[in-house]
């Protein structure tokens, strides 16, 4: 059980850092938020993968590639949402 949590944190950290490197602009989030981004990205990646390839909803975590893709999607949505709040006309 402890090993699974450690692996989830490490995969989340790697996926979060790669997503932050891919998405342009400065994201003002710390290392804990980067790990959370990667973990949420893993859940999103697994959801998308299960819907695309199996045609059914499954909740769980995905591998590193699915985690990176999910983290990029989540970070893109986060950046789009926070940039809209800062724009004044």
Protein backbone atom coordinates (compact mmCIF):
# COMPACT_ATOMS: atom_id res chain seq x y z
CA UNK A 1 0.00 0.00 0.00
CA UNK A 2 2.75 2.47 0.92
CA UNK A 3 4.67 1.56 -2.24
CA UNK A 4 1.61 2.37 -4.39
CA UNK A 5 1.30 5.81 -2.79
CA UNK A 6 4.99 6.54 -3.34
CA UNK A 7 4.77 5.46 -7.00
CA UNK A 8 1.63 7.59 -7.47
CA UNK A 9 3.42 10.64 -6.04
CA UNK A 10 6.51 10.12 -8.21
CA UNK A 11 4.46 9.56 -11.38
CA UNK A 12 2.37 12.62 -10.48
CA UNK A 13 5.50 14.71 -10.03
CA UNK A 14 6.97 13.61 -13.36
CA UNK A 15 3.70 14.10 -15.25
CA UNK A 16 3.10 17.48 -13.61
CA UNK A 17 6.58 18.77 -14.46
CA UNK A 18 6.31 17.61 -18.08
CA UNK A 19 2.86 19.21 -18.41
CA UNK A 20 4.23 22.47 -16.99
CA UNK A 21 7.07 22.34 -19.51
CA UNK A 22 4.71 21.73 -22.45
CA UNK A 23 2.09 24.40 -21.64
CA UNK A 24 3.46 27.86 -22.52
CA UNK A 25 3.49 30.65 -19.97
CA UNK A 26 4.29 30.84 -16.30
CA UNK A 27 2.20 28.76 -13.94
CA UNK A 28 2.37 29.99 -10.36
CA UNK A 29 2.03 26.64 -8.63
CA UNK A 30 4.38 24.93 -6.20
CA UNK A 31 5.72 21.41 -6.05
CA UNK A 32 2.76 20.03 -4.08
CA UNK A 33 0.33 21.50 -6.63
CA UNK A 34 2.48 20.01 -9.41
CA UNK A 35 2.18 16.57 -7.80
CA UNK A 36 -1.59 17.02 -7.40
CA UNK A 37 -1.76 18.14 -11.05
CA UNK A 38 -0.02 14.93 -12.12
CA UNK A 39 -2.26 12.74 -9.96
CA UNK A 40 -5.42 14.40 -11.28
CA UNK A 41 -3.93 14.10 -14.77
CA UNK A 42 -3.49 10.38 -14.20
CA UNK A 43 -7.15 10.04 -13.30
CA UNK A 44 -8.21 12.10 -16.34
CA UNK A 45 -5.88 10.11 -18.60
CA UNK A 46 -7.32 6.84 -17.35
CA UNK A 47 -10.87 8.09 -17.82
CA UNK A 48 -10.18 9.20 -21.40
CA UNK A 49 -8.32 5.99 -22.21
CA UNK A 50 -11.09 3.79 -20.84
CA UNK A 51 -13.77 5.74 -22.72
CA UNK A 52 -11.84 5.71 -26.00
CA UNK A 53 -10.53 2.16 -25.98
CA UNK A 54 -13.06 0.23 -23.88
CA UNK A 55 -16.20 2.31 -24.26
CA UNK A 56 -17.00 2.29 -20.54
CA UNK A 57 -16.27 4.46 -17.51
CA UNK A 58 -13.50 3.20 -15.26
CA UNK A 59 -12.01 5.12 -12.35
CA UNK A 60 -8.37 4.51 -11.59
CA UNK A 61 -4.91 5.70 -12.52
CA UNK A 62 -3.14 5.39 -15.84
CA UNK A 63 0.47 4.87 -16.79
CA UNK A 64 3.03 7.61 -17.37
CA UNK A 65 1.88 8.48 -20.91
CA UNK A 66 -1.78 8.72 -19.91
CA UNK A 67 -0.79 10.74 -16.85
CA UNK A 68 1.16 13.23 -18.95
CA UNK A 69 -1.67 13.63 -21.46
CA UNK A 70 -4.22 14.06 -18.68
CA UNK A 71 -2.00 16.54 -16.82
CA UNK A 72 -1.56 18.61 -20.00
CA UNK A 73 -5.35 18.71 -20.42
CA UNK A 74 -5.94 19.66 -16.78
CA UNK A 75 -3.20 22.32 -16.79
CA UNK A 76 -4.49 23.75 -20.06
CA UNK A 77 -7.95 24.13 -18.55
CA UNK A 78 -6.44 25.68 -15.39
CA UNK A 79 -4.38 28.21 -17.36
CA UNK A 80 -7.35 29.13 -19.55
CA UNK A 81 -9.60 29.60 -16.51
CA UNK A 82 -7.13 31.71 -14.52
CA UNK A 83 -6.15 33.91 -17.48
CA UNK A 84 -9.78 34.84 -18.10
CA UNK A 85 -10.19 36.03 -14.53
CA UNK A 86 -7.22 38.41 -14.82
CA UNK A 87 -8.39 40.11 -18.02
CA UNK A 88 -10.27 43.37 -17.55
CA UNK A 89 -11.87 45.47 -20.24
